[in-house]
Amino acid sequence: MDMPAPDAARIAGKGALGAALRAVLPEDAVISDPAETRAYECDALSAYRAAPMLVVLPRSTEEVAAVLRICHAAGVPVVPRGAGTSLAGGALPTEDSVVLGIARMNRVLEVNYDDRFIRVEAGRTNLSVSGAVEAEGFFYAPDPSSQLACAIGGNIAMNSGGAHCLKYGVTTNNLLGVTLVQMDGTVVEIGGAHMDAGGLDLLGLVCGSEGQLGVVTEATLRILPKPEGARPVLIGFRSNEVAGACVADVIKAGVLPVAIEFMDRPCIRACEDFAHAGYPDCEALLIVEVEGAESEIDEQLGLIRQIAMRHDPVEFREAVSQDEARKIWLGRKSAFGAMGQINDYMCLDGTIPVSSLPHVLRRIGEMSAEFGLDVANVFHAGDGNMHPLILYDANKPGDLETCEAFGAEILKLCVEVGGCLTGEHGVGIEKRDLMEVQYAPADLEAQMQVKDVFDPLWLLNPAKVFPLAASAARRAGREHVPGALRPRTPAGYFGNEEGA
């Protein structure tokens, strides 16, 4: 993809902006060398990329506020970035933007076991939050597959979930408060160390807003006592549809496992080769985990066994040791990486009613044949959060475009059966032009009016979430700021050949 040649005005603007940022940040916190900014040109949706103008790596809320005040005054867009694990292009820069990375903001600020909360900086990784409290018998429940790397700030932006969200909920169910820096540098505190704040539910508004409203720098999170015990089982089936029907029956029966995870044959084989977890040879596999006292675990697994046997499983196997349980989950947690070793893929995350699983899995199989691209399915089956991995060849002309068209049809199917476009990955750029499939024009207008309030100049995380034509028009009508740098983007980068 060709990049337009930068003009002299833009170079002058970049130099002046860099000098202003270096005046409020340590020297090593501002990156301007193109060879170094390339490391920030994409996130985990690596099919799309553009190097930002500058990258800043602040270490405190005060430094974040100083950066945003300068960029706001100059009319420069800012792209917040956590660990860059977004699968929807949520941290994708534009070439006129400043990427604001929060990775250096990773301290634990406060832990209160009596009131069951921990306060951390937003750059702290998900898994290390549990690591900070596990010695006292506590844990942080949301557990995305990328939890070893992903940042709490990114989890809040996308309202991330994970395998155990069936019982414990997603980020919004475990978030108590945030420190938010608005685009003009104003610092606000929302929520706090209590279960419910009075007044408007601004915390619910911020969680899942994808960096459109402000930059989260600190978070107060709910921590929970570890369960007395937990045990996963493997259940193998002869088809995806039968496995989906079993999931629906488990939920219908009122059983509440802590997790129900689904994998089909391509994913089973890739994960087994990677983790050697002892997965059975079958077309579809469920990992079902329950927790509690031993008597509770035995009772719940007994009910699940009864339901599974109605579907004639190939195998029903309980983990007999902690080591076996660890391997079972290592395989599932490694699914995306294991698939990446054998093929390029695009990962979706449409969410559907659990009762629609058999139908949707069958239609995905039919569409796979229609588009000529294979699909590996791995997802949180208990809450219907699907993660189809569409396999394609990045070096084959036209394959990416076919993959995108296929993915759009899967997401439209999710909405058609009563689901939604995203469960935890967010909209980003991947699904922004599908938002009109799920929302009426009045609904989208209401959402954009909220952004108007928090970010009147539309400078935060540009060209994400909202249909491109709508957001471009919004920004164009609000961007006449003295000294503002006009946006410049690679041709075709935002879905049109002229740029945005």
Protein backbone atom coordinates (compact mmCIF):
# COMPACT_ATOMS: atom_id res chain seq x y z
CA MET A 1 0.00 0.00 0.00
CA ASP A 2 1.57 3.30 -1.14
CA MET A 3 1.91 6.11 1.39
CA PRO A 4 1.45 9.75 0.31
CA ALA A 5 4.64 11.78 0.52
CA PRO A 6 4.72 13.99 3.64
CA ASP A 7 4.74 17.70 2.91
CA ALA A 8 6.91 20.40 4.45
CA ALA A 9 4.06 21.75 6.59
CA ARG A 10 3.56 18.35 8.16
CA ILE A 11 7.27 17.96 8.92
CA ALA A 12 7.27 21.39 10.57
CA GLY A 13 4.21 20.44 12.54
CA LYS A 14 5.75 17.16 13.63
CA GLY A 15 8.95 18.87 14.77
CA ALA A 16 7.12 21.51 16.77
CA LEU A 17 4.81 18.92 18.31
CA GLY A 18 7.75 16.68 19.24
CA ALA A 19 9.50 19.58 20.94
CA ALA A 20 6.38 20.47 22.92
CA LEU A 21 5.96 16.87 24.07
CA ARG A 22 9.62 16.53 25.06
CA ALA A 23 9.17 19.60 27.24
CA VAL A 24 6.68 17.72 29.46
CA LEU A 25 8.00 14.14 29.16
CA PRO A 26 11.37 12.44 29.73
CA GLU A 27 13.51 12.24 26.60
CA ASP A 28 13.03 8.48 26.23
CA ALA A 29 9.25 8.86 26.40
CA VAL A 30 8.91 10.46 22.95
CA ILE A 31 9.63 8.34 19.87
CA SER A 32 9.91 10.06 16.50
CA ASP A 33 12.39 7.97 14.50
CA PRO A 34 10.38 6.23 11.73
CA ALA A 35 12.41 3.06 12.27
CA GLU A 36 11.12 2.97 15.86
CA THR A 37 7.54 4.16 15.31
CA ARG A 38 7.07 1.21 12.93
CA ALA A 39 6.76 -1.03 15.98
CA TYR A 40 3.45 0.73 16.66
CA GLU A 41 2.05 0.69 13.12
CA CYS A 42 -0.45 -2.09 13.84
CA ASP A 43 -1.96 -4.18 16.59
CA ALA A 44 -2.95 -7.86 16.45
CA LEU A 45 -5.12 -7.13 13.38
CA SER A 46 -1.88 -7.02 11.46
CA ALA A 47 -3.42 -7.01 7.97
CA TYR A 48 -3.70 -3.22 8.30
CA ARG A 49 -0.96 -0.83 9.32
CA ALA A 50 0.28 2.74 9.16
CA ALA A 51 3.14 4.30 11.09
CA PRO A 52 2.04 7.10 13.45
CA MET A 53 3.60 10.56 13.41
CA LEU A 54 4.90 10.20 16.97
CA VAL A 55 4.68 7.77 19.90
CA VAL A 56 4.64 8.83 23.56
CA LEU A 57 5.12 6.53 26.55
CA PRO A 58 4.07 8.41 29.71
CA ARG A 59 4.52 7.00 33.22
CA SER A 60 1.74 8.79 35.13
CA THR A 61 -1.72 10.27 34.88
CA GLU A 62 -0.18 13.73 35.06
CA GLU A 63 2.03 13.02 32.04
CA VAL A 64 -0.95 11.63 30.10
CA ALA A 65 -2.91 14.80 30.87
CA ALA A 66 0.02 16.97 29.70
CA VAL A 67 0.24 15.05 26.40
CA LEU A 68 -3.48 15.34 25.73
CA ARG A 69 -3.53 19.08 26.49
CA ILE A 70 -0.76 19.66 23.92
CA CYS A 71 -2.38 17.47 21.25
CA HIS A 72 -5.78 19.04 21.88
CA ALA A 73 -4.39 22.53 21.44
CA ALA A 74 -2.68 21.50 18.20
CA GLY A 75 -5.71 19.61 16.86
CA VAL A 76 -3.68 16.39 16.64
CA PRO A 77 -5.46 13.01 16.88
CA VAL A 78 -4.42 10.62 19.66
CA VAL A 79 -4.61 6.83 19.53
CA PRO A 80 -4.52 5.21 23.01
CA ARG A 81 -2.64 1.89 23.08
CA GLY A 82 -2.32 -0.75 25.77
CA ALA A 83 -0.37 -3.86 24.81
CA GLY A 84 -1.42 -3.86 21.14
CA THR A 85 -3.30 -7.19 21.41
CA SER A 86 -6.52 -5.84 19.86
CA LEU A 87 -7.90 -8.19 17.20
CA ALA A 88 -10.25 -5.54 15.76
CA GLY A 89 -7.73 -2.81 14.94
CA GLY A 90 -8.65 -0.88 18.07
CA ALA A 91 -5.12 0.54 18.47
CA LEU A 92 -4.41 1.10 14.77
CA PRO A 93 -2.86 4.54 14.22
CA THR A 94 -3.33 7.06 11.46
CA GLU A 95 -0.20 8.64 10.07
CA ASP A 96 -1.18 12.07 11.40
CA SER A 97 -1.70 10.77 14.94
CA VAL A 98 0.21 10.45 18.18
CA VAL A 99 0.09 6.96 19.70
CA LEU A 100 -0.19 7.22 23.47
CA GLY A 101 1.11 3.95 24.94
CA ILE A 102 0.38 3.16 28.59
CA ALA A 103 2.66 0.11 28.93
CA ARG A 104 5.01 1.88 31.35
CA MET A 105 2.12 2.62 33.72
CA ASN A 106 2.01 -0.79 35.41
CA ARG A 107 2.11 -0.28 39.18
CA VAL A 108 -0.20 -1.72 41.81
CA LEU A 109 -1.43 1.35 43.70
CA GLU A 110 -3.58 -0.19 46.44
CA VAL A 111 -4.90 -3.57 47.59
CA ASN A 112 -7.76 -3.98 50.07
CA TYR A 113 -8.63 -7.58 50.91
CA ASP A 114 -11.36 -6.67 53.40
CA ASP A 115 -13.29 -4.69 50.80
CA ARG A 116 -12.09 -6.94 47.96
CA PHE A 117 -10.59 -4.50 45.50
CA ILE A 118 -7.26 -3.70 43.88
CA ARG A 119 -6.30 -0.38 42.28
CA VAL A 120 -3.77 -0.57 39.44
CA GLU A 121 -2.39 1.56 36.66
CA ALA A 122 -3.98 0.79 33.32
CA GLY A 123 -0.83 -0.59 31.70
CA ARG A 124 -0.64 -3.52 34.11
CA THR A 125 -1.20 -6.87 32.41
CA ASN A 126 -4.35 -8.84 33.13
CA LEU A 127 -2.63 -11.94 34.49
CA SER A 128 -0.35 -9.94 36.78
CA VAL A 129 -3.40 -8.52 38.58
CA SER A 130 -4.25 -12.00 39.85
CA GLY A 131 -0.54 -12.54 40.46
CA ALA A 132 -0.50 -9.59 42.84
CA VAL A 133 -3.23 -11.06 45.08
CA GLU A 134 -2.99 -14.85 44.68
CA ALA A 135 -0.77 -15.30 47.75
CA GLU A 136 -3.71 -14.11 49.85
CA GLY A 137 -6.14 -16.47 48.12
CA PHE A 138 -7.74 -13.97 45.72
CA PHE A 139 -7.96 -13.56 41.94
CA TYR A 140 -9.23 -11.22 39.22
CA ALA A 141 -11.91 -13.02 37.23
CA PRO A 142 -11.81 -11.78 33.57
CA ASP A 143 -9.27 -13.96 31.75
CA PRO A 144 -8.89 -13.23 28.00
CA SER A 145 -6.72 -15.70 26.09
CA SER A 146 -4.14 -12.92 25.76
CA GLN A 147 -4.11 -12.33 29.53
CA LEU A 148 -0.36 -12.86 29.77
CA ALA A 149 0.17 -9.76 27.60
CA CYS A 150 -2.99 -7.66 27.38
CA ALA A 151 -3.30 -4.51 29.49
CA ILE A 152 -6.11 -3.64 31.87
CA GLY A 153 -6.63 -0.37 30.00
CA GLY A 154 -7.27 -2.30 26.79
CA ASN A 155 -9.55 -4.74 28.64
CA ILE A 156 -11.63 -1.77 29.82
CA ALA A 157 -11.67 -0.20 26.36
CA MET A 158 -13.03 -3.39 24.77
CA ASN A 159 -14.95 -4.78 27.77
CA SER A 160 -12.93 -8.00 27.50
CA GLY A 161 -14.18 -11.32 28.84
CA GLY A 162 -12.48 -14.68 28.70
CA ALA A 163 -13.17 -18.34 29.29
CA HIS A 164 -14.58 -17.85 32.81
CA CYS A 165 -16.98 -15.02 31.93
CA LEU A 166 -19.95 -17.42 31.95
CA LYS A 167 -19.98 -17.35 35.76
CA TYR A 168 -18.06 -14.19 36.64
CA GLY A 169 -18.99 -11.84 33.84
CA VAL A 170 -16.81 -9.64 31.65
CA THR A 171 -14.77 -6.56 32.54
CA THR A 172 -17.77 -4.32 33.22
CA ASN A 173 -18.97 -6.77 35.89
CA ASN A 174 -15.62 -6.57 37.68
CA LEU A 175 -14.79 -2.88 37.27
CA LEU A 176 -15.46 -0.53 40.20
CA GLY A 177 -13.85 2.74 39.14
CA VAL A 178 -11.46 4.47 36.76
CA THR A 179 -9.32 7.56 36.47
CA LEU A 180 -10.08 9.00 33.03
CA VAL A 181 -8.19 11.74 31.21
CA GLN A 182 -10.30 13.58 28.67
CA MET A 183 -8.92 14.88 25.37
CA ASP A 184 -8.45 18.40 26.74
CA GLY A 185 -6.36 17.05 29.63
CA THR A 186 -9.11 17.16 32.27
CA VAL A 187 -8.71 14.34 34.82
CA VAL A 188 -11.93 12.85 36.22
CA GLU A 189 -12.59 10.09 38.74
CA ILE A 190 -15.52 7.79 37.97
CA GLY A 191 -16.80 5.21 40.44
CA GLY A 192 -14.46 4.01 43.17
CA ALA A 193 -13.92 1.32 45.78
CA HIS A 194 -17.59 0.47 46.17
CA MET A 195 -20.05 -1.67 44.25
CA ASP A 196 -22.41 1.00 42.90
CA ALA A 197 -21.83 4.71 42.42
CA GLY A 198 -24.73 7.15 42.57
CA GLY A 199 -25.96 9.21 39.63
CA LEU A 200 -25.42 8.47 35.97
CA ASP A 201 -23.74 5.19 35.07
CA LEU A 202 -20.67 6.84 33.56
CA LEU A 203 -18.53 3.81 34.40
CA GLY A 204 -20.74 1.64 32.21
CA LEU A 205 -20.38 4.24 29.48
CA VAL A 206 -16.58 4.29 29.64
CA CYS A 207 -16.16 0.49 29.80
CA GLY A 208 -16.33 -0.70 26.21
CA SER A 209 -16.01 2.78 24.68
CA GLU A 210 -12.83 1.79 22.78
CA GLY A 211 -10.83 4.92 23.60
CA GLN A 212 -13.45 7.21 22.10
CA LEU A 213 -14.21 9.15 25.28
CA GLY A 214 -10.90 9.42 27.13
CA VAL A 215 -7.75 7.61 28.22
CA VAL A 216 -8.11 5.35 31.28
CA THR A 217 -4.95 5.61 33.39
CA GLU A 218 -5.97 3.86 36.63
CA ALA A 219 -8.59 1.24 37.45
CA THR A 220 -10.19 -0.09 40.62
CA LEU A 221 -11.02 -3.76 40.10
CA ARG A 222 -13.06 -6.27 42.07
CA ILE A 223 -11.07 -9.24 43.36
CA LEU A 224 -12.65 -12.50 44.53
CA PRO A 225 -11.66 -15.30 46.89
CA LYS A 226 -10.37 -18.32 45.01
CA PRO A 227 -12.89 -21.19 44.85
CA GLU A 228 -12.26 -24.21 47.02
CA GLY A 229 -11.61 -26.33 43.99
CA ALA A 230 -12.22 -26.62 40.24
CA ARG A 231 -12.26 -29.47 37.74
CA PRO A 232 -12.55 -29.45 33.93
CA VAL A 233 -13.91 -32.23 31.73
CA LEU A 234 -13.37 -32.95 28.05
CA ILE A 235 -16.42 -34.00 26.01
CA GLY A 236 -15.84 -35.07 22.40
CA PHE A 237 -18.59 -35.13 19.74
CA ARG A 238 -19.04 -36.33 16.18
CA SER A 239 -20.13 -32.94 14.81
CA ASN A 240 -20.13 -29.23 15.59
CA GLU A 241 -23.91 -29.15 15.56
CA VAL A 242 -24.23 -31.88 18.19
CA ALA A 243 -21.71 -30.13 20.44
CA GLY A 244 -23.68 -26.89 20.06
CA ALA A 245 -26.90 -28.67 20.98
CA CYS A 246 -25.24 -30.08 24.11
CA VAL A 247 -24.20 -26.57 25.19
CA ALA A 248 -27.76 -25.31 24.74
CA ASP A 249 -29.11 -28.20 26.82
CA VAL A 250 -26.63 -27.59 29.66
CA ILE A 251 -27.64 -23.92 29.88
CA LYS A 252 -31.34 -24.82 29.55
CA ALA A 253 -31.02 -27.24 32.47
CA GLY A 254 -29.96 -24.40 34.77
CA VAL A 255 -26.45 -25.75 35.38
CA LEU A 256 -23.90 -22.93 35.73
CA PRO A 257 -20.37 -24.13 34.96
CA VAL A 258 -17.61 -21.60 35.40
CA ALA A 259 -16.71 -22.10 31.72
CA ILE A 260 -17.86 -23.92 28.58
CA GLU A 261 -15.33 -23.72 25.75
CA PHE A 262 -15.77 -25.09 22.21
CA MET A 263 -13.18 -26.21 19.66
CA ASP A 264 -13.65 -27.92 16.29
CA ARG A 265 -11.34 -30.42 14.61
CA PRO A 266 -8.83 -28.00 12.99
CA CYS A 267 -8.41 -26.16 16.26
CA ILE A 268 -8.29 -29.37 18.34
CA ARG A 269 -5.44 -30.73 16.27
CA ALA A 270 -3.42 -27.48 16.31
CA CYS A 271 -3.84 -27.12 20.08
CA GLU A 272 -2.99 -30.76 20.73
CA ASP A 273 0.19 -30.49 18.67
CA PHE A 274 1.15 -27.43 20.69
CA ALA A 275 0.14 -28.34 24.25
CA HIS A 276 -0.07 -32.19 24.19
CA ALA A 277 -3.13 -31.97 26.41
CA GLY A 278 -4.50 -35.38 25.45
CA TYR A 279 -7.47 -34.02 23.49
CA PRO A 280 -9.62 -36.79 21.94
CA ASP A 281 -9.82 -37.46 18.20
CA CYS A 282 -13.22 -35.99 17.35
CA GLU A 283 -14.98 -33.37 15.24
CA ALA A 284 -15.86 -31.06 18.13
CA LEU A 285 -14.72 -30.72 21.73
CA LEU A 286 -16.19 -29.04 24.77
CA ILE A 287 -14.14 -28.09 27.82
CA VAL A 288 -16.54 -27.68 30.73
CA GLU A 289 -15.23 -26.58 34.11
CA VAL A 290 -17.12 -26.45 37.40
CA GLU A 291 -15.93 -25.27 40.77
CA GLY A 292 -16.74 -25.38 44.49
CA ALA A 293 -16.37 -27.99 47.21
CA GLU A 294 -15.67 -31.56 46.06
CA SER A 295 -19.28 -32.57 46.71
CA GLU A 296 -20.53 -29.63 44.63
CA ILE A 297 -18.15 -30.47 41.80
CA ASP A 298 -19.24 -34.12 41.78
CA GLU A 299 -22.92 -33.15 41.73
CA GLN A 300 -22.53 -30.64 38.89
CA LEU A 301 -20.41 -32.95 36.77
CA GLY A 302 -22.93 -35.73 37.33
CA LEU A 303 -25.67 -33.56 35.83
CA ILE A 304 -23.44 -32.50 32.95
CA ARG A 305 -22.57 -36.14 32.24
CA GLN A 306 -26.27 -37.03 32.08
CA ILE A 307 -26.94 -34.23 29.59
CA ALA A 308 -23.88 -35.05 27.49
CA MET A 309 -24.79 -38.74 27.23
CA ARG A 310 -28.03 -37.81 25.47
CA HIS A 311 -25.84 -36.57 22.60
CA ASP A 312 -23.80 -39.78 22.26
CA PRO A 313 -20.33 -38.28 22.94
CA VAL A 314 -17.19 -39.85 21.54
CA GLU A 315 -15.54 -39.35 24.93
CA PHE A 316 -16.31 -37.89 28.36
CA ARG A 317 -13.18 -37.48 30.48
CA GLU A 318 -12.63 -35.71 33.80
CA ALA A 319 -9.24 -34.24 34.70
CA VAL A 320 -7.75 -36.46 37.42
CA SER A 321 -4.96 -34.14 38.54
CA GLN A 322 -3.97 -30.49 38.67
CA ASP A 323 -1.36 -31.15 35.98
CA GLU A 324 -3.96 -32.59 33.62
CA ALA A 325 -6.29 -29.66 34.29
CA ARG A 326 -3.46 -27.23 33.58
CA LYS A 327 -2.70 -28.91 30.26
CA ILE A 328 -6.35 -28.86 29.24
CA TRP A 329 -6.47 -25.10 29.75
CA LEU A 330 -3.03 -24.52 28.24
CA GLY A 331 -4.34 -26.00 25.00
CA ARG A 332 -7.40 -23.76 24.94
CA LYS A 333 -5.51 -20.61 25.99
CA SER A 334 -2.94 -21.28 23.25
CA ALA A 335 -5.53 -21.73 20.50
CA PHE A 336 -4.92 -18.46 18.65
CA GLY A 337 -1.15 -18.84 18.77
CA ALA A 338 -1.31 -22.51 17.81
CA MET A 339 -3.45 -21.72 14.76
CA GLY A 340 -1.12 -18.88 13.83
CA GLN A 341 1.75 -21.37 13.53
CA ILE A 342 0.02 -23.12 10.64
CA ASN A 343 -1.95 -20.42 8.80
CA ASP A 344 -2.82 -16.76 8.41
CA TYR A 345 -6.25 -16.12 9.88
CA MET A 346 -8.76 -13.46 10.84
CA CYS A 347 -10.45 -13.90 14.22
CA LEU A 348 -14.05 -12.74 14.66
CA ASP A 349 -16.14 -12.48 17.83
CA GLY A 350 -19.82 -12.21 17.07
CA THR A 351 -22.15 -13.18 19.90
CA ILE A 352 -25.35 -15.20 19.51
CA PRO A 353 -28.10 -16.74 21.65
CA VAL A 354 -26.88 -20.13 22.89
CA SER A 355 -29.95 -21.80 21.40
CA SER A 356 -28.78 -20.70 17.93
CA LEU A 357 -25.39 -22.42 18.15
CA PRO A 358 -26.30 -25.50 16.05
CA HIS A 359 -27.84 -23.37 13.28
CA VAL A 360 -25.01 -20.82 13.18
CA LEU A 361 -22.29 -23.49 13.18
CA ARG A 362 -24.03 -25.25 10.29
CA ARG A 363 -24.33 -22.00 8.31
CA ILE A 364 -20.67 -21.14 8.91
CA GLY A 365 -19.77 -24.54 7.45
CA GLU A 366 -21.94 -23.87 4.41
CA MET A 367 -20.48 -20.38 3.92
CA SER A 368 -16.97 -21.83 4.22
CA ALA A 369 -17.69 -23.90 1.12
CA GLU A 370 -19.26 -20.92 -0.67
CA PHE A 371 -16.27 -18.63 -0.06
CA GLY A 372 -13.64 -21.33 -0.51
CA LEU A 373 -11.91 -20.60 2.80
CA ASP A 374 -11.59 -22.95 5.76
CA VAL A 375 -12.76 -21.98 9.24
CA ALA A 376 -11.55 -23.13 12.64
CA ASN A 377 -14.01 -22.54 15.47
CA VAL A 378 -12.98 -21.85 19.06
CA PHE A 379 -15.14 -19.82 21.41
CA HIS A 380 -16.82 -19.22 24.75
CA ALA A 381 -19.82 -21.43 24.11
CA GLY A 382 -21.54 -20.81 27.44
CA ASP A 383 -22.39 -17.19 26.63
CA GLY A 384 -22.48 -17.60 22.84
CA ASN A 385 -19.34 -15.52 22.22
CA MET A 386 -18.06 -17.06 18.99
CA HIS A 387 -14.50 -16.80 17.66
CA PRO A 388 -14.46 -18.22 14.11
CA LEU A 389 -10.92 -18.16 12.70
CA ILE A 390 -11.12 -17.70 8.93
CA LEU A 391 -8.00 -19.16 7.34
CA TYR A 392 -6.49 -17.39 4.33
CA ASP A 393 -3.18 -16.80 2.56
CA ALA A 394 -1.88 -13.27 3.12
CA ASN A 395 0.44 -13.67 0.12
CA LYS A 396 -2.33 -14.67 -2.29
CA PRO A 397 -3.91 -11.70 -4.12
CA GLY A 398 -7.58 -11.33 -3.25
CA ASP A 399 -7.55 -13.77 -0.32
CA LEU A 400 -7.73 -11.05 2.34
CA GLU A 401 -10.66 -9.36 0.61
CA THR A 402 -12.48 -12.72 0.35
CA CYS A 403 -11.76 -13.34 4.01
CA GLU A 404 -13.21 -9.95 4.98
CA ALA A 405 -16.35 -10.55 2.92
CA PHE A 406 -16.78 -13.97 4.54
CA GLY A 407 -16.30 -12.47 7.99
CA ALA A 408 -18.90 -9.79 7.30
CA GLU A 409 -21.45 -12.44 6.38
CA ILE A 410 -20.76 -14.36 9.61
CA LEU A 411 -21.28 -11.20 11.67
CA LYS A 412 -24.47 -10.35 9.80
CA LEU A 413 -25.68 -13.87 10.60
CA CYS A 414 -24.97 -13.27 14.30
CA VAL A 415 -27.16 -10.15 14.26
CA GLU A 416 -29.83 -11.93 12.21
CA VAL A 417 -30.32 -14.63 14.87
CA GLY A 418 -30.62 -12.08 17.67
CA GLY A 419 -26.96 -11.61 18.62
CA CYS A 420 -24.51 -8.75 18.14
CA LEU A 421 -21.36 -7.83 16.25
CA THR A 422 -18.90 -8.17 19.12
CA GLY A 423 -18.66 -9.84 22.49
CA GLU A 424 -15.23 -8.72 23.69
CA HIS A 425 -12.90 -7.78 20.84
CA GLY A 426 -14.66 -4.51 20.13
CA VAL A 427 -15.62 -2.81 16.87
CA GLY A 428 -12.36 -1.02 16.01
CA ILE A 429 -12.01 -0.70 12.27
CA GLU A 430 -12.95 -4.33 11.62
CA LYS A 431 -16.69 -3.93 12.22
CA ARG A 432 -17.26 -0.18 12.06
CA ASP A 433 -19.04 -0.28 8.68
CA LEU A 434 -21.22 -3.16 9.89
CA MET A 435 -22.59 -1.05 12.75
CA GLU A 436 -25.48 -0.08 10.46
CA VAL A 437 -26.45 -3.76 10.37
CA GLN A 438 -27.05 -3.78 14.12
CA TYR A 439 -28.08 -0.17 14.81
CA ALA A 440 -30.65 2.14 13.24
CA PRO A 441 -29.46 5.62 12.17
CA ALA A 442 -31.06 7.17 15.27
CA ASP A 443 -29.18 4.73 17.52
CA LEU A 444 -25.85 5.59 15.91
CA GLU A 445 -26.61 9.30 16.11
CA ALA A 446 -27.27 8.98 19.85
CA GLN A 447 -23.93 7.22 20.33
CA MET A 448 -22.08 9.86 18.33
CA GLN A 449 -23.71 12.62 20.37
CA VAL A 450 -22.18 11.05 23.48
CA LYS A 451 -18.75 11.28 21.85
CA ASP A 452 -19.52 14.92 20.98
CA VAL A 453 -19.78 15.63 24.71
CA PHE A 454 -16.54 13.90 25.75
CA ASP A 455 -14.45 14.65 22.64
CA PRO A 456 -15.99 17.60 20.77
CA LEU A 457 -13.23 17.78 18.15
CA TRP A 458 -13.30 14.02 17.50
CA LEU A 459 -9.56 13.65 18.05
CA LEU A 460 -9.54 10.46 20.15
CA ASN A 461 -8.95 7.16 18.33
CA PRO A 462 -10.08 8.42 14.92
CA ALA A 463 -11.90 6.37 12.28
CA LYS A 464 -12.91 3.63 14.73
CA VAL A 465 -16.26 2.23 15.93
CA PHE A 466 -18.60 4.40 13.86
CA PRO A 467 -19.23 4.01 10.10
CA LEU A 468 -16.42 5.81 8.34
CA ALA A 469 -18.56 8.25 6.38
CA ALA A 470 -20.38 9.33 9.54
CA SER A 471 -17.28 9.79 11.68
CA ALA A 472 -15.37 11.56 8.87
CA ALA A 473 -18.23 14.03 8.44
CA ARG A 474 -18.41 14.58 12.19
CA ARG A 475 -14.72 15.28 12.45
CA ALA A 476 -14.62 17.50 9.36
CA GLY A 477 -17.34 19.70 10.81
CA ARG A 478 -15.54 20.13 14.13
CA GLU A 479 -11.90 20.32 13.15
CA HIS A 480 -11.43 23.99 12.35
CA VAL A 481 -8.97 24.74 15.13
CA PRO A 482 -6.25 27.40 14.63
CA GLY A 483 -2.99 25.66 13.86
CA ALA A 484 -4.60 22.25 13.51
CA LEU A 485 -2.81 19.64 11.41
CA ARG A 486 -5.07 18.29 8.70
CA PRO A 487 -5.46 14.50 8.87
CA ARG A 488 -3.45 12.50 6.37
CA THR A 489 -3.89 8.79 5.94
CA PRO A 490 -2.60 6.17 3.51
CA ALA A 491 -4.68 5.86 0.38
CA GLY A 492 -7.29 3.15 0.82
CA TYR A 493 -6.38 2.61 4.45
CA PHE A 494 -9.83 3.47 5.73
CA GLY A 495 -11.75 1.54 3.14
CA ASN A 496 -11.73 4.13 0.33
CA GLU A 497 -9.12 4.98 -2.23
CA GLU A 498 -8.91 8.65 -1.35
CA GLY A 499 -8.17 8.24 2.37
CA ALA A 500 -10.13 9.96 5.14
